[in-house]
Amino acid sequence: MAMGIMAFTAFKQDEEPWAWSFAIATILFNPLFPIHLSRNIWAFLDIIAGLFIIISIYFVRGNLKERQNNV
């Protein structure tokens, strides 16, 4: 659900690459229609998703601060 909220927020901020990335992650990690992969693949995807979230916080928040300063 957090990825979905982040996708929505990124779309509102016109951060389309981030928004689409979060939308794809939302589909991948959704609980309603599970995707069955091996444990090793899920472990790798979990690490990548965690890094993705941490990195995105700085980029999306940084772009928001730039827009607020320009207004």
PDB file of N, CA and C in Angstrom:
ATOM      1  N   MET A   1       0.818  -1.185   0.000  1.00  0.00           N
ATOM      2  CA  MET A   1       0.000   0.000   0.000  1.00  0.00           C
ATOM      3  C   MET A   1       0.863   1.252   0.000  1.00  0.00           C
ATOM      4  N   ALA A   2       1.979   1.215   0.704  1.00  0.00           N
ATOM      5  CA  ALA A   2       2.860   2.379   0.746  1.00  0.00           C
ATOM      6  C   ALA A   2       3.396   2.709  -0.642  1.00  0.00           C
ATOM      7  N   MET A   3       3.711   1.693  -1.410  1.00  0.00           N
ATOM      8  CA  MET A   3       4.200   1.932  -2.773  1.00  0.00           C
ATOM      9  C   MET A   3       3.117   2.595  -3.616  1.00  0.00           C
ATOM     10  N   GLY A   4       1.879   2.217  -3.428  1.00  0.00           N
ATOM     11  CA  GLY A   4       0.774   2.832  -4.157  1.00  0.00           C
ATOM     12  C   GLY A   4       0.620   4.294  -3.801  1.00  0.00           C
ATOM     13  N   ILE A   5       0.758   4.613  -2.526  1.00  0.00           N
ATOM     14  CA  ILE A   5       0.682   6.005  -2.081  1.00  0.00           C
ATOM     15  C   ILE A   5       1.851   6.799  -2.654  1.00  0.00           C
ATOM     16  N   MET A   6       3.022   6.192  -2.668  1.00  0.00           N
ATOM     17  CA  MET A   6       4.186   6.874  -3.221  1.00  0.00           C
ATOM     18  C   MET A   6       4.028   7.081  -4.727  1.00  0.00           C
ATOM     19  N   ALA A   7       3.423   6.124  -5.426  1.00  0.00           N
ATOM     20  CA  ALA A   7       3.163   6.277  -6.862  1.00  0.00           C
ATOM     21  C   ALA A   7       2.196   7.432  -7.093  1.00  0.00           C
ATOM     22  N   PHE A   8       1.142   7.498  -6.309  1.00  0.00           N
ATOM     23  CA  PHE A   8       0.163   8.576  -6.423  1.00  0.00           C
ATOM     24  C   PHE A   8       0.814   9.934  -6.160  1.00  0.00           C
ATOM     25  N   THR A   9       1.636  10.009  -5.116  1.00  0.00           N
ATOM     26  CA  THR A   9       2.325  11.256  -4.784  1.00  0.00           C
ATOM     27  C   THR A   9       3.271  11.670  -5.897  1.00  0.00           C
ATOM     28  N   ALA A  10       3.996  10.719  -6.447  1.00  0.00           N
ATOM     29  CA  ALA A  10       4.923  11.026  -7.537  1.00  0.00           C
ATOM     30  C   ALA A  10       4.175  11.508  -8.780  1.00  0.00           C
ATOM     31  N   PHE A  11       3.019  10.910  -9.078  1.00  0.00           N
ATOM     32  CA  PHE A  11       2.214  11.373 -10.212  1.00  0.00           C
ATOM     33  C   PHE A  11       1.745  12.809  -9.983  1.00  0.00           C
ATOM     34  N   LYS A  12       1.325  13.123  -8.752  1.00  0.00           N
ATOM     35  CA  LYS A  12       0.873  14.478  -8.445  1.00  0.00           C
ATOM     36  C   LYS A  12       1.994  15.499  -8.597  1.00  0.00           C
ATOM     37  N   GLN A  13       3.233  15.081  -8.336  1.00  0.00           N
ATOM     38  CA  GLN A  13       4.383  15.980  -8.436  1.00  0.00           C
ATOM     39  C   GLN A  13       5.011  15.957  -9.827  1.00  0.00           C
ATOM     40  N   ASP A  14       4.343  15.335 -10.790  1.00  0.00           N
ATOM     41  CA  ASP A  14       4.847  15.219 -12.162  1.00  0.00           C
ATOM     42  C   ASP A  14       6.204  14.535 -12.235  1.00  0.00           C
ATOM     43  N   GLU A  15       6.414  13.564 -11.387  1.00  0.00           N
ATOM     44  CA  GLU A  15       7.624  12.743 -11.389  1.00  0.00           C
ATOM     45  C   GLU A  15       7.286  11.411 -12.045  1.00  0.00           C
ATOM     46  N   GLU A  16       7.030  11.456 -13.356  1.00  0.00           N
ATOM     47  CA  GLU A  16       6.526  10.264 -14.036  1.00  0.00           C
ATOM     48  C   GLU A  16       7.442   9.044 -13.964  1.00  0.00           C
ATOM     49  N   PRO A  17       8.760   9.174 -14.155  1.00  0.00           N
ATOM     50  CA  PRO A  17       9.583   7.951 -14.041  1.00  0.00           C
ATOM     51  C   PRO A  17       9.470   7.300 -12.657  1.00  0.00           C
ATOM     52  N   TRP A  18       9.476   8.122 -11.607  1.00  0.00           N
ATOM     53  CA  TRP A  18       9.332   7.567 -10.259  1.00  0.00           C
ATOM     54  C   TRP A  18       7.937   6.982 -10.074  1.00  0.00           C
ATOM     55  N   ALA A  19       6.940   7.673 -10.586  1.00  0.00           N
ATOM     56  CA  ALA A  19       5.571   7.203 -10.425  1.00  0.00           C
ATOM     57  C   ALA A  19       5.375   5.846 -11.090  1.00  0.00           C
ATOM     58  N   TRP A  20       5.861   5.681 -12.313  1.00  0.00           N
ATOM     59  CA  TRP A  20       5.722   4.397 -12.992  1.00  0.00           C
ATOM     60  C   TRP A  20       6.517   3.305 -12.288  1.00  0.00           C
ATOM     61  N   SER A  21       7.678   3.662 -11.764  1.00  0.00           N
ATOM     62  CA  SER A  21       8.473   2.676 -11.023  1.00  0.00           C
ATOM     63  C   SER A  21       7.732   2.202  -9.782  1.00  0.00           C
ATOM     64  N   PHE A  22       7.119   3.132  -9.065  1.00  0.00           N
ATOM     65  CA  PHE A  22       6.341   2.758  -7.883  1.00  0.00           C
ATOM     66  C   PHE A  22       5.096   1.964  -8.271  1.00  0.00           C
ATOM     67  N   ALA A  23       4.476   2.303  -9.383  1.00  0.00           N
ATOM     68  CA  ALA A  23       3.295   1.565  -9.830  1.00  0.00           C
ATOM     69  C   ALA A  23       3.660   0.114 -10.138  1.00  0.00           C
ATOM     70  N   ILE A  24       4.790  -0.086 -10.797  1.00  0.00           N
ATOM     71  CA  ILE A  24       5.241  -1.446 -11.100  1.00  0.00           C
ATOM     72  C   ILE A  24       5.548  -2.205  -9.806  1.00  0.00           C
ATOM     73  N   ALA A  25       6.208  -1.529  -8.863  1.00  0.00           N
ATOM     74  CA  ALA A  25       6.509  -2.169  -7.576  1.00  0.00           C
ATOM     75  C   ALA A  25       5.227  -2.500  -6.822  1.00  0.00           C
ATOM     76  N   THR A  26       4.215  -1.632  -6.931  1.00  0.00           N
ATOM     77  CA  THR A  26       2.927  -1.894  -6.286  1.00  0.00           C
ATOM     78  C   THR A  26       2.310  -3.172  -6.827  1.00  0.00           C
ATOM     79  N   ILE A  27       2.367  -3.343  -8.139  1.00  0.00           N
ATOM     80  CA  ILE A  27       1.820  -4.553  -8.752  1.00  0.00           C
ATOM     81  C   ILE A  27       2.624  -5.775  -8.329  1.00  0.00           C
ATOM     82  N   LEU A  28       3.942  -5.645  -8.295  1.00  0.00           N
ATOM     83  CA  LEU A  28       4.805  -6.774  -7.939  1.00  0.00           C
ATOM     84  C   LEU A  28       4.568  -7.239  -6.504  1.00  0.00           C
ATOM     85  N   PHE A  29       4.391  -6.295  -5.587  1.00  0.00           N
ATOM     86  CA  PHE A  29       4.262  -6.632  -4.166  1.00  0.00           C
ATOM     87  C   PHE A  29       2.817  -6.618  -3.673  1.00  0.00           C
ATOM     88  N   ASN A  30       1.836  -6.678  -4.566  1.00  0.00           N
ATOM     89  CA  ASN A  30       0.441  -6.612  -4.132  1.00  0.00           C
ATOM     90  C   ASN A  30       0.033  -7.899  -3.412  1.00  0.00           C
ATOM     91  N   PRO A  31      -0.826  -7.781  -2.392  1.00  0.00           N
ATOM     92  CA  PRO A  31      -1.244  -8.977  -1.646  1.00  0.00           C
ATOM     93  C   PRO A  31      -2.465  -9.675  -2.248  1.00  0.00           C
ATOM     94  N   LEU A  32      -3.176  -9.042  -3.157  1.00  0.00           N
ATOM     95  CA  LEU A  32      -4.404  -9.626  -3.683  1.00  0.00           C
ATOM     96  C   LEU A  32      -4.159 -10.678  -4.757  1.00  0.00           C
ATOM     97  N   PHE A  33      -3.180 -10.424  -5.618  1.00  0.00           N
ATOM     98  CA  PHE A  33      -2.842 -11.356  -6.691  1.00  0.00           C
ATOM     99  C   PHE A  33      -1.360 -11.688  -6.580  1.00  0.00           C
ATOM    100  N   PRO A  34      -1.023 -12.623  -5.696  1.00  0.00           N
ATOM    101  CA  PRO A  34       0.391 -12.901  -5.429  1.00  0.00           C
ATOM    102  C   PRO A  34       1.133 -13.445  -6.651  1.00  0.00           C
ATOM    103  N   ILE A  35       2.374 -13.027  -6.751  1.00  0.00           N
ATOM    104  CA  ILE A  35       3.268 -13.515  -7.788  1.00  0.00           C
ATOM    105  C   ILE A  35       4.187 -14.527  -7.111  1.00  0.00           C
ATOM    106  N   HIS A  36       4.225 -15.731  -7.627  1.00  0.00           N
ATOM    107  CA  HIS A  36       4.985 -16.807  -7.006  1.00  0.00           C
ATOM    108  C   HIS A  36       6.379 -16.901  -7.629  1.00  0.00           C
ATOM    109  N   LEU A  37       7.371 -16.557  -6.828  1.00  0.00           N
ATOM    110  CA  LEU A  37       8.773 -16.647  -7.234  1.00  0.00           C
ATOM    111  C   LEU A  37       9.531 -17.411  -6.160  1.00  0.00           C
ATOM    112  N   SER A  38      10.753 -17.802  -6.468  1.00  0.00           N
ATOM    113  CA  SER A  38      11.551 -18.530  -5.473  1.00  0.00           C
ATOM    114  C   SER A  38      11.965 -17.589  -4.341  1.00  0.00           C
ATOM    115  N   ARG A  39      12.323 -18.190  -3.242  1.00  0.00           N
ATOM    116  CA  ARG A  39      12.721 -17.413  -2.068  1.00  0.00           C
ATOM    117  C   ARG A  39      13.937 -16.542  -2.358  1.00  0.00           C
ATOM    118  N   ASN A  40      14.901 -17.054  -3.120  1.00  0.00           N
ATOM    119  CA  ASN A  40      16.104 -16.276  -3.456  1.00  0.00           C
ATOM    120  C   ASN A  40      15.764 -15.056  -4.300  1.00  0.00           C
ATOM    121  N   ILE A  41      14.850 -15.214  -5.241  1.00  0.00           N
ATOM    122  CA  ILE A  41      14.454 -14.080  -6.075  1.00  0.00           C
ATOM    123  C   ILE A  41      13.726 -13.030  -5.240  1.00  0.00           C
ATOM    124  N   TRP A  42      12.838 -13.469  -4.342  1.00  0.00           N
ATOM    125  CA  TRP A  42      12.129 -12.516  -3.485  1.00  0.00           C
ATOM    126  C   TRP A  42      13.097 -11.796  -2.556  1.00  0.00           C
ATOM    127  N   ALA A  43      14.097 -12.490  -2.044  1.00  0.00           N
ATOM    128  CA  ALA A  43      15.080 -11.840  -1.170  1.00  0.00           C
ATOM    129  C   ALA A  43      15.812 -10.742  -1.935  1.00  0.00           C
ATOM    130  N   PHE A  44      16.209 -11.034  -3.157  1.00  0.00           N
ATOM    131  CA  PHE A  44      16.873 -10.042  -4.001  1.00  0.00           C
ATOM    132  C   PHE A  44      15.939  -8.861  -4.288  1.00  0.00           C
ATOM    133  N   LEU A  45      14.681  -9.144  -4.644  1.00  0.00           N
ATOM    134  CA  LEU A  45      13.719  -8.074  -4.933  1.00  0.00           C
ATOM    135  C   LEU A  45      13.427  -7.223  -3.707  1.00  0.00           C
ATOM    136  N   ASP A  46      13.393  -7.835  -2.533  1.00  0.00           N
ATOM    137  CA  ASP A  46      13.180  -7.074  -1.303  1.00  0.00           C
ATOM    138  C   ASP A  46      14.313  -6.084  -1.053  1.00  0.00           C
ATOM    139  N   ILE A  47      15.533  -6.524  -1.268  1.00  0.00           N
ATOM    140  CA  ILE A  47      16.691  -5.631  -1.074  1.00  0.00           C
ATOM    141  C   ILE A  47      16.653  -4.503  -2.090  1.00  0.00           C
ATOM    142  N   ILE A  48      16.393  -4.825  -3.347  1.00  0.00           N
ATOM    143  CA  ILE A  48      16.319  -3.809  -4.399  1.00  0.00           C
ATOM    144  C   ILE A  48      15.186  -2.816  -4.105  1.00  0.00           C
ATOM    145  N   ALA A  49      14.030  -3.306  -3.677  1.00  0.00           N
ATOM    146  CA  ALA A  49      12.896  -2.429  -3.366  1.00  0.00           C
ATOM    147  C   ALA A  49      13.225  -1.508  -2.196  1.00  0.00           C
ATOM    148  N   GLY A  50      13.888  -2.032  -1.180  1.00  0.00           N
ATOM    149  CA  GLY A  50      14.284  -1.191  -0.049  1.00  0.00           C
ATOM    150  C   GLY A  50      15.232  -0.084  -0.465  1.00  0.00           C
ATOM    151  N   LEU A  51      16.222  -0.417  -1.267  1.00  0.00           N
ATOM    152  CA  LEU A  51      17.151   0.603  -1.771  1.00  0.00           C
ATOM    153  C   LEU A  51      16.426   1.607  -2.649  1.00  0.00           C
ATOM    154  N   PHE A  52      15.519   1.116  -3.479  1.00  0.00           N
ATOM    155  CA  PHE A  52      14.734   1.978  -4.349  1.00  0.00           C
ATOM    156  C   PHE A  52      13.938   2.996  -3.541  1.00  0.00           C
ATOM    157  N   ILE A  53      13.311   2.559  -2.468  1.00  0.00           N
ATOM    158  CA  ILE A  53      12.522   3.461  -1.627  1.00  0.00           C
ATOM    159  C   ILE A  53      13.414   4.510  -0.974  1.00  0.00           C
ATOM    160  N   ILE A  54      14.543   4.086  -0.438  1.00  0.00           N
ATOM    161  CA  ILE A  54      15.456   5.040   0.220  1.00  0.00           C
ATOM    162  C   ILE A  54      15.965   6.077  -0.770  1.00  0.00           C
ATOM    163  N   ILE A  55      16.383   5.634  -1.945  1.00  0.00           N
ATOM    164  CA  ILE A  55      16.891   6.556  -2.958  1.00  0.00           C
ATOM    165  C   ILE A  55      15.788   7.488  -3.434  1.00  0.00           C
ATOM    166  N   SER A  56      14.596   6.972  -3.630  1.00  0.00           N
ATOM    167  CA  SER A  56      13.503   7.795  -4.140  1.00  0.00           C
ATOM    168  C   SER A  56      13.106   8.895  -3.167  1.00  0.00           C
ATOM    169  N   ILE A  57      13.232   8.646  -1.884  1.00  0.00           N
ATOM    170  CA  ILE A  57      12.888   9.663  -0.890  1.00  0.00           C
ATOM    171  C   ILE A  57      13.709  10.919  -1.125  1.00  0.00           C
ATOM    172  N   TYR A  58      14.981  10.763  -1.364  1.00  0.00           N
ATOM    173  CA  TYR A  58      15.845  11.920  -1.577  1.00  0.00           C
ATOM    174  C   TYR A  58      15.540  12.636  -2.884  1.00  0.00           C
ATOM    175  N   PHE A  59      15.268  11.879  -3.959  1.00  0.00           N
ATOM    176  CA  PHE A  59      15.009  12.509  -5.248  1.00  0.00           C
ATOM    177  C   PHE A  59      13.650  13.197  -5.281  1.00  0.00           C
ATOM    178  N   VAL A  60      12.611  12.519  -4.830  1.00  0.00           N
ATOM    179  CA  VAL A  60      11.275  13.109  -4.880  1.00  0.00           C
ATOM    180  C   VAL A  60      11.161  14.261  -3.901  1.00  0.00           C
ATOM    181  N   ARG A  61      11.673  14.114  -2.718  1.00  0.00           N
ATOM    182  CA  ARG A  61      11.628  15.196  -1.736  1.00  0.00           C
ATOM    183  C   ARG A  61      12.479  16.368  -2.197  1.00  0.00           C
ATOM    184  N   GLY A  62      13.645  16.096  -2.778  1.00  0.00           N
ATOM    185  CA  GLY A  62      14.513  17.161  -3.271  1.00  0.00           C
ATOM    186  C   GLY A  62      13.847  17.954  -4.376  1.00  0.00           C
ATOM    187  N   ASN A  63      13.157  17.282  -5.283  1.00  0.00           N
ATOM    188  CA  ASN A  63      12.449  17.980  -6.360  1.00  0.00           C
ATOM    189  C   ASN A  63      11.285  18.792  -5.817  1.00  0.00           C
ATOM    190  N   LEU A  64      10.617  18.307  -4.771  1.00  0.00           N
ATOM    191  CA  LEU A  64       9.532  19.054  -4.160  1.00  0.00           C
ATOM    192  C   LEU A  64      10.061  20.334  -3.520  1.00  0.00           C
ATOM    193  N   LYS A  65      11.199  20.262  -2.835  1.00  0.00           N
ATOM    194  CA  LYS A  65      11.782  21.446  -2.213  1.00  0.00           C
ATOM    195  C   LYS A  65      12.196  22.463  -3.274  1.00  0.00           C
ATOM    196  N   GLU A  66      12.742  21.997  -4.402  1.00  0.00           N
ATOM    197  CA  GLU A  66      13.120  22.907  -5.486  1.00  0.00           C
ATOM    198  C   GLU A  66      11.894  23.635  -6.021  1.00  0.00           C
ATOM    199  N   ARG A  67      10.799  22.929  -6.193  1.00  0.00           N
ATOM    200  CA  ARG A  67       9.568  23.560  -6.699  1.00  0.00           C
ATOM    201  C   ARG A  67       9.027  24.578  -5.719  1.00  0.00           C
ATOM    202  N   GLN A  68       9.100  24.295  -4.421  1.00  0.00           N
ATOM    203  CA  GLN A  68       8.592  25.229  -3.425  1.00  0.00           C
ATOM    204  C   GLN A  68       9.443  26.496  -3.392  1.00  0.00           C
ATOM    205  N   ASN A  69      10.746  26.359  -3.611  1.00  0.00           N
ATOM    206  CA  ASN A  69      11.633  27.518  -3.635  1.00  0.00           C
ATOM    207  C   ASN A  69      11.420  28.371  -4.875  1.00  0.00           C
ATOM    208  N   ASN A  70      10.983  27.762  -5.975  1.00  0.00           N
ATOM    209  CA  ASN A  70      10.792  28.485  -7.224  1.00  0.00           C
ATOM    210  C   ASN A  70       9.454  29.219  -7.276  1.00  0.00           C
ATOM    211  N   VAL A  71       8.540  28.898  -6.380  1.00  0.00           N
ATOM    212  CA  VAL A  71       7.204  29.517  -6.414  1.00  0.00           C
ATOM    213  C   VAL A  71       7.207  30.843  -5.740  1.00  0.00           C
TER     214      VAL A  71
END
